[in-house]
Amino acid sequence: MANFAEIKGSCYCGANQFAITQPAVDTHHCHCSICRRLQGAAFVTLSIFPKAGFRWTKGGDLQTYNSSDKVHRNRCKNCGSPLTINLDALPDLIAVSRACIDPNGDPGQPAESLRHAFWLDRVPWLEGADQLPKVAGFDK
């Protein structure tokens, strides 16, 4: 992506904010049991960026949970938002929770990188979810 526009993001409470100046090399929906349980969701969408293009603009003092000796997951100490993942196997990259990136920000990843990871580990109740009614808010 030749003209990548800087994108920004933050945790829910705003104590930790970041800027990204290089496009993602990958974006995927991870269905592994570790991501599901640590996010409390059916899957987590992660965009992988070069660390050289990622910087904290506010805060950056995070709580780290090592889900293995090689995977380090970082959350806001205040609100608990999952923000980033560092993998020892990919020292020049950082995984960023896509939900924490400003909604209008385009991570700029190659289209062929978009995919579901650990698809065989997905929760069974996710099947058919896209056919459910769509409402503007919580209507009950």
N, C-alpha and C. Protein backbone atom coordinates (compact mmCIF):
# COMPACT_ATOMS: atom_id res chain seq x y z
N MET A 1 0.86 -1.18 0.00
CA MET A 1 0.00 0.00 0.00
C MET A 1 0.90 1.23 0.00
N ALA A 2 0.93 1.95 -1.09
CA ALA A 2 1.85 3.07 -1.26
C ALA A 2 1.51 4.25 -0.36
N ASN A 3 0.27 4.61 -0.22
CA ASN A 3 -0.13 5.77 0.57
C ASN A 3 -0.85 5.35 1.83
N PHE A 4 -0.13 4.75 2.75
CA PHE A 4 -0.73 4.30 3.99
C PHE A 4 -0.95 5.51 4.90
N ALA A 5 -2.18 5.69 5.36
CA ALA A 5 -2.51 6.77 6.29
C ALA A 5 -2.37 6.26 7.71
N GLU A 6 -1.70 7.02 8.56
CA GLU A 6 -1.54 6.63 9.96
C GLU A 6 -2.90 6.29 10.57
N ILE A 7 -2.92 5.22 11.33
CA ILE A 7 -4.14 4.86 12.05
C ILE A 7 -3.86 4.91 13.54
N LYS A 8 -4.91 5.11 14.31
CA LYS A 8 -4.78 5.23 15.76
C LYS A 8 -5.73 4.26 16.43
N GLY A 9 -5.48 4.04 17.70
CA GLY A 9 -6.34 3.18 18.48
C GLY A 9 -6.09 3.38 19.96
N SER A 10 -6.90 2.70 20.76
CA SER A 10 -6.78 2.85 22.21
C SER A 10 -7.52 1.72 22.91
N CYS A 11 -7.28 1.65 24.21
CA CYS A 11 -8.08 0.78 25.05
C CYS A 11 -9.43 1.47 25.30
N TYR A 12 -10.33 0.81 25.98
CA TYR A 12 -11.66 1.35 26.23
C TYR A 12 -11.62 2.65 27.03
N CYS A 13 -10.79 2.70 28.09
CA CYS A 13 -10.77 3.87 28.96
C CYS A 13 -9.89 5.00 28.43
N GLY A 14 -9.08 4.74 27.41
CA GLY A 14 -8.23 5.77 26.82
C GLY A 14 -6.90 5.96 27.51
N ALA A 15 -6.61 5.19 28.56
CA ALA A 15 -5.33 5.33 29.26
C ALA A 15 -4.15 4.93 28.38
N ASN A 16 -4.38 4.04 27.43
CA ASN A 16 -3.34 3.59 26.51
C ASN A 16 -3.79 3.88 25.09
N GLN A 17 -3.00 4.66 24.38
CA GLN A 17 -3.31 5.02 23.00
C GLN A 17 -2.09 4.75 22.13
N PHE A 18 -2.33 4.42 20.88
CA PHE A 18 -1.22 4.10 19.99
C PHE A 18 -1.46 4.65 18.60
N ALA A 19 -0.38 4.70 17.84
CA ALA A 19 -0.43 5.10 16.43
C ALA A 19 0.35 4.08 15.63
N ILE A 20 -0.11 3.83 14.42
CA ILE A 20 0.53 2.86 13.52
C ILE A 20 0.79 3.57 12.20
N THR A 21 2.05 3.49 11.73
CA THR A 21 2.44 4.23 10.53
C THR A 21 2.84 3.32 9.37
N GLN A 22 2.73 2.02 9.55
CA GLN A 22 3.04 1.08 8.47
C GLN A 22 1.88 0.10 8.34
N PRO A 23 1.58 -0.35 7.13
CA PRO A 23 0.44 -1.26 6.94
C PRO A 23 0.66 -2.63 7.57
N ALA A 24 -0.45 -3.26 7.88
CA ALA A 24 -0.41 -4.62 8.43
C ALA A 24 0.12 -5.59 7.38
N VAL A 25 0.79 -6.61 7.86
CA VAL A 25 1.25 -7.67 6.96
C VAL A 25 0.26 -8.83 6.95
N ASP A 26 -0.69 -8.80 7.89
CA ASP A 26 -1.62 -9.92 8.04
C ASP A 26 -2.79 -9.46 8.90
N THR A 27 -3.97 -9.95 8.62
CA THR A 27 -5.13 -9.79 9.50
C THR A 27 -5.91 -11.09 9.45
N HIS A 28 -6.26 -11.60 10.63
CA HIS A 28 -7.02 -12.86 10.67
C HIS A 28 -7.93 -12.89 11.89
N HIS A 29 -8.96 -13.72 11.79
CA HIS A 29 -9.86 -13.99 12.90
C HIS A 29 -9.36 -15.27 13.56
N CYS A 30 -8.88 -15.17 14.78
CA CYS A 30 -8.31 -16.35 15.46
C CYS A 30 -9.38 -17.03 16.31
N HIS A 31 -9.59 -18.31 16.05
CA HIS A 31 -10.60 -19.10 16.77
C HIS A 31 -9.96 -20.05 17.78
N CYS A 32 -8.67 -19.91 18.07
CA CYS A 32 -8.03 -20.84 19.01
C CYS A 32 -8.65 -20.68 20.40
N SER A 33 -8.59 -21.73 21.18
CA SER A 33 -9.23 -21.71 22.50
C SER A 33 -8.57 -20.69 23.43
N ILE A 34 -7.29 -20.43 23.26
CA ILE A 34 -6.61 -19.45 24.12
C ILE A 34 -7.15 -18.05 23.84
N CYS A 35 -7.18 -17.66 22.58
CA CYS A 35 -7.71 -16.33 22.23
C CYS A 35 -9.17 -16.20 22.66
N ARG A 36 -9.97 -17.23 22.40
CA ARG A 36 -11.39 -17.16 22.76
C ARG A 36 -11.57 -16.93 24.25
N ARG A 37 -10.86 -17.67 25.06
CA ARG A 37 -11.04 -17.54 26.51
C ARG A 37 -10.47 -16.24 27.06
N LEU A 38 -9.33 -15.82 26.54
CA LEU A 38 -8.73 -14.58 27.05
C LEU A 38 -9.46 -13.33 26.56
N GLN A 39 -10.17 -13.43 25.45
CA GLN A 39 -10.96 -12.31 24.95
C GLN A 39 -12.40 -12.39 25.44
N GLY A 40 -12.84 -13.58 25.85
CA GLY A 40 -14.23 -13.76 26.22
C GLY A 40 -15.15 -13.61 25.03
N ALA A 41 -14.71 -14.12 23.89
CA ALA A 41 -15.46 -13.95 22.64
C ALA A 41 -15.32 -15.19 21.77
N ALA A 42 -16.15 -15.28 20.75
CA ALA A 42 -16.12 -16.43 19.84
C ALA A 42 -14.82 -16.48 19.05
N PHE A 43 -14.22 -15.34 18.79
CA PHE A 43 -12.92 -15.25 18.12
C PHE A 43 -12.38 -13.85 18.34
N VAL A 44 -11.11 -13.65 18.03
CA VAL A 44 -10.50 -12.33 18.11
C VAL A 44 -9.92 -12.00 16.73
N THR A 45 -10.11 -10.77 16.31
CA THR A 45 -9.52 -10.33 15.05
C THR A 45 -8.22 -9.60 15.36
N LEU A 46 -7.14 -10.09 14.78
CA LEU A 46 -5.81 -9.52 15.00
C LEU A 46 -5.24 -9.01 13.70
N SER A 47 -4.65 -7.83 13.75
CA SER A 47 -3.87 -7.31 12.63
C SER A 47 -2.42 -7.30 13.08
N ILE A 48 -1.54 -7.79 12.22
CA ILE A 48 -0.12 -7.92 12.54
C ILE A 48 0.64 -6.80 11.81
N PHE A 49 1.36 -6.00 12.58
CA PHE A 49 2.09 -4.85 12.04
C PHE A 49 3.58 -4.96 12.32
N PRO A 50 4.41 -4.30 11.50
CA PRO A 50 5.83 -4.18 11.84
C PRO A 50 5.96 -3.35 13.12
N LYS A 51 6.77 -3.81 14.07
CA LYS A 51 6.96 -3.06 15.31
C LYS A 51 7.53 -1.67 15.04
N ALA A 52 8.32 -1.55 13.98
CA ALA A 52 8.93 -0.26 13.64
C ALA A 52 7.88 0.81 13.35
N GLY A 53 6.68 0.42 12.97
CA GLY A 53 5.62 1.37 12.67
C GLY A 53 4.59 1.53 13.77
N PHE A 54 4.85 0.94 14.95
CA PHE A 54 3.90 0.99 16.07
C PHE A 54 4.51 1.80 17.20
N ARG A 55 3.74 2.72 17.77
CA ARG A 55 4.24 3.45 18.94
C ARG A 55 3.08 3.80 19.88
N TRP A 56 3.39 3.80 21.17
CA TRP A 56 2.42 4.25 22.16
C TRP A 56 2.45 5.76 22.17
N THR A 57 1.31 6.40 22.07
CA THR A 57 1.23 7.85 22.13
C THR A 57 0.76 8.33 23.50
N LYS A 58 0.22 7.41 24.28
CA LYS A 58 -0.19 7.69 25.65
C LYS A 58 -0.15 6.37 26.40
N GLY A 59 0.35 6.40 27.62
CA GLY A 59 0.37 5.19 28.44
C GLY A 59 1.42 4.21 27.95
N GLY A 60 1.00 2.99 27.75
CA GLY A 60 1.92 1.92 27.35
C GLY A 60 2.39 1.09 28.52
N ASP A 61 1.94 1.43 29.73
CA ASP A 61 2.27 0.64 30.92
C ASP A 61 1.16 -0.41 31.06
N LEU A 62 1.43 -1.60 30.54
CA LEU A 62 0.41 -2.62 30.40
C LEU A 62 0.60 -3.78 31.36
N GLN A 63 -0.46 -4.51 31.58
CA GLN A 63 -0.39 -5.78 32.31
C GLN A 63 -0.12 -6.86 31.27
N THR A 64 0.90 -7.67 31.51
CA THR A 64 1.25 -8.72 30.56
C THR A 64 0.93 -10.08 31.14
N TYR A 65 0.27 -10.90 30.34
CA TYR A 65 0.00 -12.29 30.69
C TYR A 65 0.71 -13.15 29.66
N ASN A 66 1.54 -14.06 30.12
CA ASN A 66 2.26 -14.96 29.23
C ASN A 66 1.43 -16.23 29.07
N SER A 67 0.73 -16.34 27.94
CA SER A 67 -0.09 -17.53 27.71
C SER A 67 0.78 -18.74 27.37
N SER A 68 2.04 -18.50 27.09
CA SER A 68 3.07 -19.54 27.00
C SER A 68 4.39 -18.82 27.24
N ASP A 69 5.48 -19.55 27.23
CA ASP A 69 6.76 -18.87 27.45
C ASP A 69 7.20 -18.06 26.23
N LYS A 70 6.43 -18.13 25.14
CA LYS A 70 6.79 -17.42 23.90
C LYS A 70 5.72 -16.47 23.39
N VAL A 71 4.59 -16.39 24.11
CA VAL A 71 3.48 -15.52 23.68
C VAL A 71 3.09 -14.62 24.85
N HIS A 72 3.18 -13.30 24.64
CA HIS A 72 2.99 -12.32 25.69
C HIS A 72 1.83 -11.39 25.31
N ARG A 73 0.74 -11.48 26.08
CA ARG A 73 -0.49 -10.75 25.79
C ARG A 73 -0.60 -9.56 26.73
N ASN A 74 -0.87 -8.40 26.15
CA ASN A 74 -0.84 -7.14 26.90
C ASN A 74 -2.22 -6.50 26.97
N ARG A 75 -2.62 -6.12 28.19
CA ARG A 75 -3.92 -5.51 28.45
C ARG A 75 -3.73 -4.19 29.19
N CYS A 76 -4.73 -3.34 29.10
CA CYS A 76 -4.75 -2.12 29.90
C CYS A 76 -4.88 -2.51 31.37
N LYS A 77 -4.06 -1.92 32.22
CA LYS A 77 -4.13 -2.21 33.66
C LYS A 77 -5.41 -1.66 34.28
N ASN A 78 -6.00 -0.64 33.66
CA ASN A 78 -7.18 0.00 34.22
C ASN A 78 -8.48 -0.67 33.77
N CYS A 79 -8.73 -0.73 32.46
CA CYS A 79 -10.02 -1.24 31.97
C CYS A 79 -9.96 -2.70 31.51
N GLY A 80 -8.78 -3.25 31.35
CA GLY A 80 -8.65 -4.66 30.98
C GLY A 80 -8.73 -4.94 29.49
N SER A 81 -8.83 -3.91 28.66
CA SER A 81 -8.90 -4.14 27.21
C SER A 81 -7.67 -4.89 26.71
N PRO A 82 -7.87 -6.00 25.97
CA PRO A 82 -6.74 -6.68 25.34
C PRO A 82 -6.25 -5.83 24.17
N LEU A 83 -4.97 -5.48 24.17
CA LEU A 83 -4.45 -4.55 23.17
C LEU A 83 -3.49 -5.19 22.17
N THR A 84 -2.43 -5.80 22.67
CA THR A 84 -1.39 -6.31 21.77
C THR A 84 -0.92 -7.69 22.22
N ILE A 85 -0.28 -8.38 21.28
CA ILE A 85 0.36 -9.66 21.55
C ILE A 85 1.75 -9.60 20.93
N ASN A 86 2.75 -9.99 21.72
CA ASN A 86 4.11 -10.12 21.24
C ASN A 86 4.46 -11.60 21.20
N LEU A 87 5.02 -12.03 20.08
CA LEU A 87 5.42 -13.43 19.91
C LEU A 87 6.94 -13.49 19.75
N ASP A 88 7.59 -14.30 20.57
CA ASP A 88 9.05 -14.42 20.47
C ASP A 88 9.49 -14.88 19.09
N ALA A 89 8.67 -15.68 18.42
CA ALA A 89 9.02 -16.20 17.09
C ALA A 89 8.98 -15.11 16.02
N LEU A 90 8.30 -13.99 16.31
CA LEU A 90 8.17 -12.89 15.35
C LEU A 90 8.59 -11.58 16.02
N PRO A 91 9.87 -11.43 16.36
CA PRO A 91 10.31 -10.29 17.17
C PRO A 91 10.14 -8.92 16.52
N ASP A 92 10.01 -8.86 15.21
CA ASP A 92 9.88 -7.58 14.52
C ASP A 92 8.43 -7.20 14.24
N LEU A 93 7.49 -8.02 14.73
CA LEU A 93 6.06 -7.78 14.49
C LEU A 93 5.30 -7.67 15.80
N ILE A 94 4.15 -7.01 15.75
CA ILE A 94 3.27 -6.91 16.90
C ILE A 94 1.83 -7.15 16.43
N ALA A 95 1.12 -7.99 17.17
CA ALA A 95 -0.29 -8.27 16.86
C ALA A 95 -1.14 -7.28 17.66
N VAL A 96 -2.05 -6.62 16.98
CA VAL A 96 -2.90 -5.62 17.61
C VAL A 96 -4.35 -6.08 17.50
N SER A 97 -5.07 -6.01 18.61
CA SER A 97 -6.49 -6.35 18.60
C SER A 97 -7.21 -5.36 17.68
N ARG A 98 -7.80 -5.88 16.62
CA ARG A 98 -8.44 -5.03 15.60
C ARG A 98 -9.55 -4.18 16.19
N ALA A 99 -10.21 -4.69 17.22
CA ALA A 99 -11.31 -3.94 17.85
C ALA A 99 -10.82 -2.68 18.56
N CYS A 100 -9.53 -2.59 18.86
CA CYS A 100 -8.98 -1.41 19.53
C CYS A 100 -8.49 -0.36 18.55
N ILE A 101 -8.47 -0.69 17.26
CA ILE A 101 -8.08 0.28 16.24
C ILE A 101 -9.32 1.10 15.90
N ASP A 102 -9.14 2.40 15.74
CA ASP A 102 -10.28 3.26 15.40
C ASP A 102 -11.06 2.65 14.24
N PRO A 103 -12.39 2.63 14.34
CA PRO A 103 -13.22 1.93 13.34
C PRO A 103 -12.98 2.36 11.90
N ASN A 104 -12.63 3.61 11.67
CA ASN A 104 -12.42 4.08 10.31
C ASN A 104 -10.99 3.88 9.83
N GLY A 105 -10.12 3.37 10.70
CA GLY A 105 -8.73 3.13 10.32
C GLY A 105 -8.61 1.89 9.45
N ASP A 106 -7.89 2.00 8.36
CA ASP A 106 -7.67 0.87 7.45
C ASP A 106 -6.29 0.30 7.71
N PRO A 107 -6.20 -0.94 8.22
CA PRO A 107 -4.89 -1.51 8.51
C PRO A 107 -4.04 -1.75 7.28
N GLY A 108 -4.65 -1.75 6.10
CA GLY A 108 -3.90 -1.83 4.87
C GLY A 108 -3.26 -3.17 4.56
N GLN A 109 -3.74 -4.23 5.17
CA GLN A 109 -3.16 -5.55 4.93
C GLN A 109 -3.47 -6.04 3.52
N PRO A 110 -2.63 -6.94 3.00
CA PRO A 110 -2.95 -7.54 1.70
C PRO A 110 -4.26 -8.33 1.80
N ALA A 111 -5.12 -8.20 0.81
CA ALA A 111 -6.42 -8.87 0.83
C ALA A 111 -6.27 -10.38 1.00
N GLU A 112 -5.22 -10.95 0.44
CA GLU A 112 -5.04 -12.41 0.54
C GLU A 112 -4.69 -12.87 1.95
N SER A 113 -4.35 -11.93 2.85
CA SER A 113 -4.03 -12.34 4.22
C SER A 113 -5.28 -12.49 5.08
N LEU A 114 -6.42 -11.98 4.64
CA LEU A 114 -7.65 -12.07 5.43
C LEU A 114 -8.13 -13.51 5.47
N ARG A 115 -8.31 -14.03 6.70
CA ARG A 115 -8.71 -15.43 6.82
C ARG A 115 -9.14 -15.73 8.25
N HIS A 116 -9.69 -16.92 8.43
CA HIS A 116 -9.99 -17.47 9.74
C HIS A 116 -8.86 -18.42 10.11
N ALA A 117 -8.27 -18.24 11.29
CA ALA A 117 -7.21 -19.13 11.77
C ALA A 117 -7.80 -20.06 12.84
N PHE A 118 -7.28 -21.25 12.93
CA PHE A 118 -7.77 -22.27 13.87
C PHE A 118 -9.27 -22.52 13.67
N TRP A 119 -9.69 -22.57 12.41
CA TRP A 119 -11.09 -22.74 12.06
C TRP A 119 -11.69 -24.00 12.66
N LEU A 120 -10.92 -25.06 12.76
CA LEU A 120 -11.45 -26.31 13.31
C LEU A 120 -11.72 -26.20 14.81
N ASP A 121 -11.18 -25.16 15.46
CA ASP A 121 -11.40 -24.94 16.89
C ASP A 121 -12.56 -23.98 17.16
N ARG A 122 -13.26 -23.54 16.12
CA ARG A 122 -14.33 -22.55 16.29
C ARG A 122 -15.45 -23.12 17.17
N VAL A 123 -16.19 -22.23 17.79
CA VAL A 123 -17.32 -22.65 18.62
C VAL A 123 -18.48 -23.04 17.70
N PRO A 124 -19.19 -24.12 18.01
CA PRO A 124 -20.25 -24.58 17.12
C PRO A 124 -21.42 -23.61 17.00
N TRP A 125 -21.67 -22.82 18.03
CA TRP A 125 -22.82 -21.92 17.98
C TRP A 125 -22.58 -20.71 17.09
N LEU A 126 -21.39 -20.57 16.53
CA LEU A 126 -21.12 -19.47 15.60
C LEU A 126 -21.72 -19.73 14.22
N GLU A 127 -21.92 -21.00 13.88
CA GLU A 127 -22.50 -21.34 12.58
C GLU A 127 -23.88 -20.69 12.44
N GLY A 128 -24.12 -20.07 11.33
CA GLY A 128 -25.42 -19.45 11.08
C GLY A 128 -25.61 -18.09 11.71
N ALA A 129 -24.63 -17.61 12.46
CA ALA A 129 -24.78 -16.32 13.15
C ALA A 129 -24.98 -15.17 12.19
N ASP A 130 -24.43 -15.26 11.00
CA ASP A 130 -24.56 -14.16 10.05
C ASP A 130 -25.98 -14.04 9.50
N GLN A 131 -26.79 -15.08 9.66
CA GLN A 131 -28.16 -15.02 9.18
C GLN A 131 -29.12 -14.48 10.25
N LEU A 132 -28.63 -14.16 11.43
CA LEU A 132 -29.48 -13.62 12.49
C LEU A 132 -29.95 -12.22 12.14
N PRO A 133 -31.09 -11.79 12.72
CA PRO A 133 -31.56 -10.42 12.47
C PRO A 133 -30.51 -9.40 12.92
N LYS A 134 -30.44 -8.28 12.22
CA LYS A 134 -29.51 -7.19 12.55
C LYS A 134 -30.34 -6.04 13.11
N VAL A 135 -29.99 -5.56 14.31
CA VAL A 135 -30.69 -4.45 14.94
C VAL A 135 -29.68 -3.36 15.29
N ALA A 136 -30.15 -2.12 15.42
CA ALA A 136 -29.27 -0.97 15.65
C ALA A 136 -28.68 -0.94 17.05
N GLY A 137 -29.35 -1.52 18.02
CA GLY A 137 -28.87 -1.50 19.40
C GLY A 137 -29.41 -2.70 20.13
N PHE A 138 -29.33 -2.65 21.43
CA PHE A 138 -29.86 -3.75 22.24
C PHE A 138 -31.36 -3.53 22.35
N ASP A 139 -32.15 -4.37 21.69
CA ASP A 139 -33.58 -4.10 21.55
C ASP A 139 -34.48 -4.84 22.52
N LYS A 140 -33.96 -5.53 23.49
CA LYS A 140 -34.81 -6.27 24.43
C LYS A 140 -34.75 -5.65 25.81
